[in-house]
């Protein structure tokens, strides 16, 4: 299947062509900007070293994307999603976690309005 053509980076004035929204250099800057200005300060406290250990343990036990498996596809999971977000009273308990690939995690996050609610 042919790939989508590359498009210009969304950072103002950047001439680089990329397959995602930002080029590699500006993707890091955008992630840093989001962490500093847009992310809820209380959520930063909930995602510390303990969360990284929980996430790594969960991905190791569930290496395939749970959403893709429902559709009959086998895709490697790269992210762990909270079914009920921590901001709404969720916990790091395994019953509240899902192993997802990046596209599935992004679509669920966008659908729920968790990260891109203001855009």
C-alpha atoms as a PDB file:
ATOM      1  CA  UNK A   1       0.000   0.000   0.000  1.00  0.00           C
ATOM      2  CA  UNK A   2       1.466   3.420  -0.878  1.00  0.00           C
ATOM      3  CA  UNK A   3       2.445   5.741   1.911  1.00  0.00           C
ATOM      4  CA  UNK A   4       0.993   9.172   2.391  1.00  0.00           C
ATOM      5  CA  UNK A   5       3.190  11.943   0.987  1.00  0.00           C
ATOM      6  CA  UNK A   6       5.295  13.848   3.466  1.00  0.00           C
ATOM      7  CA  UNK A   7       4.059  17.268   4.515  1.00  0.00           C
ATOM      8  CA  UNK A   8       5.787  20.350   5.919  1.00  0.00           C
ATOM      9  CA  UNK A   9       6.463  20.489   9.642  1.00  0.00           C
ATOM     10  CA  UNK A  10       3.751  22.430  11.525  1.00  0.00           C
ATOM     11  CA  UNK A  11       6.330  24.539  13.360  1.00  0.00           C
ATOM     12  CA  UNK A  12       6.239  28.079  11.881  1.00  0.00           C
ATOM     13  CA  UNK A  13       9.000  28.595   9.316  1.00  0.00           C
ATOM     14  CA  UNK A  14      10.319  25.020   9.365  1.00  0.00           C
ATOM     15  CA  UNK A  15      10.914  23.715   5.819  1.00  0.00           C
ATOM     16  CA  UNK A  16      11.435  20.049   6.835  1.00  0.00           C
ATOM     17  CA  UNK A  17       9.101  17.427   5.380  1.00  0.00           C
ATOM     18  CA  UNK A  18       7.686  14.883   7.802  1.00  0.00           C
ATOM     19  CA  UNK A  19       5.195  12.023   7.991  1.00  0.00           C
ATOM     20  CA  UNK A  20       3.776  13.253  11.301  1.00  0.00           C
ATOM     21  CA  UNK A  21       2.728  16.684  12.542  1.00  0.00           C
ATOM     22  CA  UNK A  22       6.199  17.937  13.475  1.00  0.00           C
ATOM     23  CA  UNK A  23       9.707  17.080  12.284  1.00  0.00           C
ATOM     24  CA  UNK A  24      11.886  15.170  14.733  1.00  0.00           C
ATOM     25  CA  UNK A  25      13.509  18.331  16.142  1.00  0.00           C
ATOM     26  CA  UNK A  26      10.249  20.209  16.662  1.00  0.00           C
ATOM     27  CA  UNK A  27       8.334  17.160  17.954  1.00  0.00           C
ATOM     28  CA  UNK A  28      10.621  17.159  20.996  1.00  0.00           C
ATOM     29  CA  UNK A  29      10.109  20.898  21.466  1.00  0.00           C
ATOM     30  CA  UNK A  30       6.321  20.535  21.173  1.00  0.00           C
ATOM     31  CA  UNK A  31       6.271  17.682  23.694  1.00  0.00           C
ATOM     32  CA  UNK A  32       8.363  19.780  26.075  1.00  0.00           C
ATOM     33  CA  UNK A  33       6.083  22.786  25.566  1.00  0.00           C
ATOM     34  CA  UNK A  34       3.018  20.646  26.267  1.00  0.00           C
ATOM     35  CA  UNK A  35       4.545  19.235  29.458  1.00  0.00           C
ATOM     36  CA  UNK A  36       5.483  22.713  30.668  1.00  0.00           C
ATOM     37  CA  UNK A  37       2.422  24.787  29.755  1.00  0.00           C
ATOM     38  CA  UNK A  38      -0.579  22.650  28.761  1.00  0.00           C
ATOM     39  CA  UNK A  39      -0.429  19.570  30.983  1.00  0.00           C
ATOM     40  CA  UNK A  40      -2.255  19.754  34.284  1.00  0.00           C
ATOM     41  CA  UNK A  41       0.384  20.271  37.029  1.00  0.00           C
ATOM     42  CA  UNK A  42      -1.358  17.743  39.272  1.00  0.00           C
ATOM     43  CA  UNK A  43      -1.019  15.017  36.641  1.00  0.00           C
ATOM     44  CA  UNK A  44       2.760  15.479  36.582  1.00  0.00           C
ATOM     45  CA  UNK A  45       2.851  14.262  40.178  1.00  0.00           C
ATOM     46  CA  UNK A  46       0.828  11.147  39.294  1.00  0.00           C
ATOM     47  CA  UNK A  47       3.276  10.010  36.581  1.00  0.00           C
ATOM     48  CA  UNK A  48       6.529   9.485  38.459  1.00  0.00           C
ATOM     49  CA  UNK A  49       8.996   6.640  38.755  1.00  0.00           C
ATOM     50  CA  UNK A  50       6.402   4.288  40.259  1.00  0.00           C
ATOM     51  CA  UNK A  51       4.169   4.757  37.185  1.00  0.00           C
ATOM     52  CA  UNK A  52       7.081   3.946  34.872  1.00  0.00           C
ATOM     53  CA  UNK A  53       7.631   0.653  36.705  1.00  0.00           C
ATOM     54  CA  UNK A  54       3.901  -0.191  36.554  1.00  0.00           C
ATOM     55  CA  UNK A  55       3.772   0.711  32.845  1.00  0.00           C
ATOM     56  CA  UNK A  56       6.834  -1.384  31.975  1.00  0.00           C
ATOM     57  CA  UNK A  57       5.483  -4.365  33.924  1.00  0.00           C
ATOM     58  CA  UNK A  58       2.065  -4.080  32.221  1.00  0.00           C
ATOM     59  CA  UNK A  59       3.544  -3.805  28.695  1.00  0.00           C
ATOM     60  CA  UNK A  60       5.729  -6.831  29.370  1.00  0.00           C
ATOM     61  CA  UNK A  61       2.687  -8.862  30.431  1.00  0.00           C
ATOM     62  CA  UNK A  62       0.484  -7.498  27.585  1.00  0.00           C
ATOM     63  CA  UNK A  63       2.713  -6.974  24.528  1.00  0.00           C
ATOM     64  CA  UNK A  64      -0.125  -6.607  21.969  1.00  0.00           C
ATOM     65  CA  UNK A  65      -2.509  -3.682  21.452  1.00  0.00           C
ATOM     66  CA  UNK A  66      -5.848  -4.584  23.035  1.00  0.00           C
ATOM     67  CA  UNK A  67      -7.899  -2.400  20.638  1.00  0.00           C
ATOM     68  CA  UNK A  68      -6.254  -3.888  17.534  1.00  0.00           C
ATOM     69  CA  UNK A  69      -6.832  -7.412  18.885  1.00  0.00           C
ATOM     70  CA  UNK A  70     -10.587  -6.650  19.100  1.00  0.00           C
ATOM     71  CA  UNK A  71     -10.446  -5.896  15.348  1.00  0.00           C
ATOM     72  CA  UNK A  72      -8.461  -9.032  14.540  1.00  0.00           C
ATOM     73  CA  UNK A  73      -5.090  -7.303  14.057  1.00  0.00           C
ATOM     74  CA  UNK A  74      -1.881  -8.044  15.895  1.00  0.00           C
ATOM     75  CA  UNK A  75       0.029  -4.844  16.656  1.00  0.00           C
ATOM     76  CA  UNK A  76       2.756  -4.318  19.225  1.00  0.00           C
ATOM     77  CA  UNK A  77       1.630  -2.238  22.208  1.00  0.00           C
ATOM     78  CA  UNK A  78       3.810   0.780  22.934  1.00  0.00           C
ATOM     79  CA  UNK A  79       1.710   2.727  25.451  1.00  0.00           C
ATOM     80  CA  UNK A  80      -0.425   2.047  28.503  1.00  0.00           C
ATOM     81  CA  UNK A  81      -3.775   3.832  28.713  1.00  0.00           C
ATOM     82  CA  UNK A  82      -5.856   4.535  31.823  1.00  0.00           C
ATOM     83  CA  UNK A  83      -9.450   3.539  31.031  1.00  0.00           C
ATOM     84  CA  UNK A  84     -10.692   5.972  33.685  1.00  0.00           C
ATOM     85  CA  UNK A  85      -8.161   8.841  33.657  1.00  0.00           C
ATOM     86  CA  UNK A  86      -6.371   9.658  36.878  1.00  0.00           C
ATOM     87  CA  UNK A  87      -7.800  13.187  36.704  1.00  0.00           C
ATOM     88  CA  UNK A  88     -11.297  11.689  36.946  1.00  0.00           C
ATOM     89  CA  UNK A  89     -10.545   9.370  39.854  1.00  0.00           C
ATOM     90  CA  UNK A  90      -8.861   6.459  38.067  1.00  0.00           C
ATOM     91  CA  UNK A  91      -6.010   4.461  39.569  1.00  0.00           C
ATOM     92  CA  UNK A  92      -2.919   2.598  38.395  1.00  0.00           C
ATOM     93  CA  UNK A  93      -4.707  -0.696  39.142  1.00  0.00           C
ATOM     94  CA  UNK A  94      -4.368  -3.286  36.341  1.00  0.00           C
ATOM     95  CA  UNK A  95      -8.150  -3.394  35.868  1.00  0.00           C
ATOM     96  CA  UNK A  96      -7.971   0.288  34.832  1.00  0.00           C
ATOM     97  CA  UNK A  97      -5.136  -0.156  32.300  1.00  0.00           C
ATOM     98  CA  UNK A  98      -5.027  -1.026  28.589  1.00  0.00           C
ATOM     99  CA  UNK A  99      -1.987  -1.798  26.440  1.00  0.00           C
ATOM    100  CA  UNK A 100      -2.300   0.137  23.161  1.00  0.00           C
ATOM    101  CA  UNK A 101      -0.335   1.016  20.054  1.00  0.00           C
ATOM    102  CA  UNK A 102       0.300   4.734  19.473  1.00  0.00           C
ATOM    103  CA  UNK A 103      -2.449   5.253  16.824  1.00  0.00           C
ATOM    104  CA  UNK A 104      -5.101   3.587  19.005  1.00  0.00           C
ATOM    105  CA  UNK A 105      -3.993   5.535  22.083  1.00  0.00           C
ATOM    106  CA  UNK A 106      -4.075   8.811  20.140  1.00  0.00           C
ATOM    107  CA  UNK A 107      -7.546   8.136  18.750  1.00  0.00           C
ATOM    108  CA  UNK A 108      -8.956   7.227  22.181  1.00  0.00           C
ATOM    109  CA  UNK A 109      -7.345  10.286  23.745  1.00  0.00           C
ATOM    110  CA  UNK A 110      -8.696  12.559  21.002  1.00  0.00           C
ATOM    111  CA  UNK A 111     -12.164  10.981  21.220  1.00  0.00           C
ATOM    112  CA  UNK A 112     -12.248  11.476  25.009  1.00  0.00           C
ATOM    113  CA  UNK A 113     -10.914  15.007  24.644  1.00  0.00           C
ATOM    114  CA  UNK A 114      -8.167  14.451  27.206  1.00  0.00           C
ATOM    115  CA  UNK A 115      -5.205  16.099  25.509  1.00  0.00           C
ATOM    116  CA  UNK A 116      -6.514  18.071  22.558  1.00  0.00           C
ATOM    117  CA  UNK A 117      -9.625  19.490  24.185  1.00  0.00           C
ATOM    118  CA  UNK A 118      -8.657  23.127  23.532  1.00  0.00           C
ATOM    119  CA  UNK A 119      -7.513  22.672  19.949  1.00  0.00           C
END
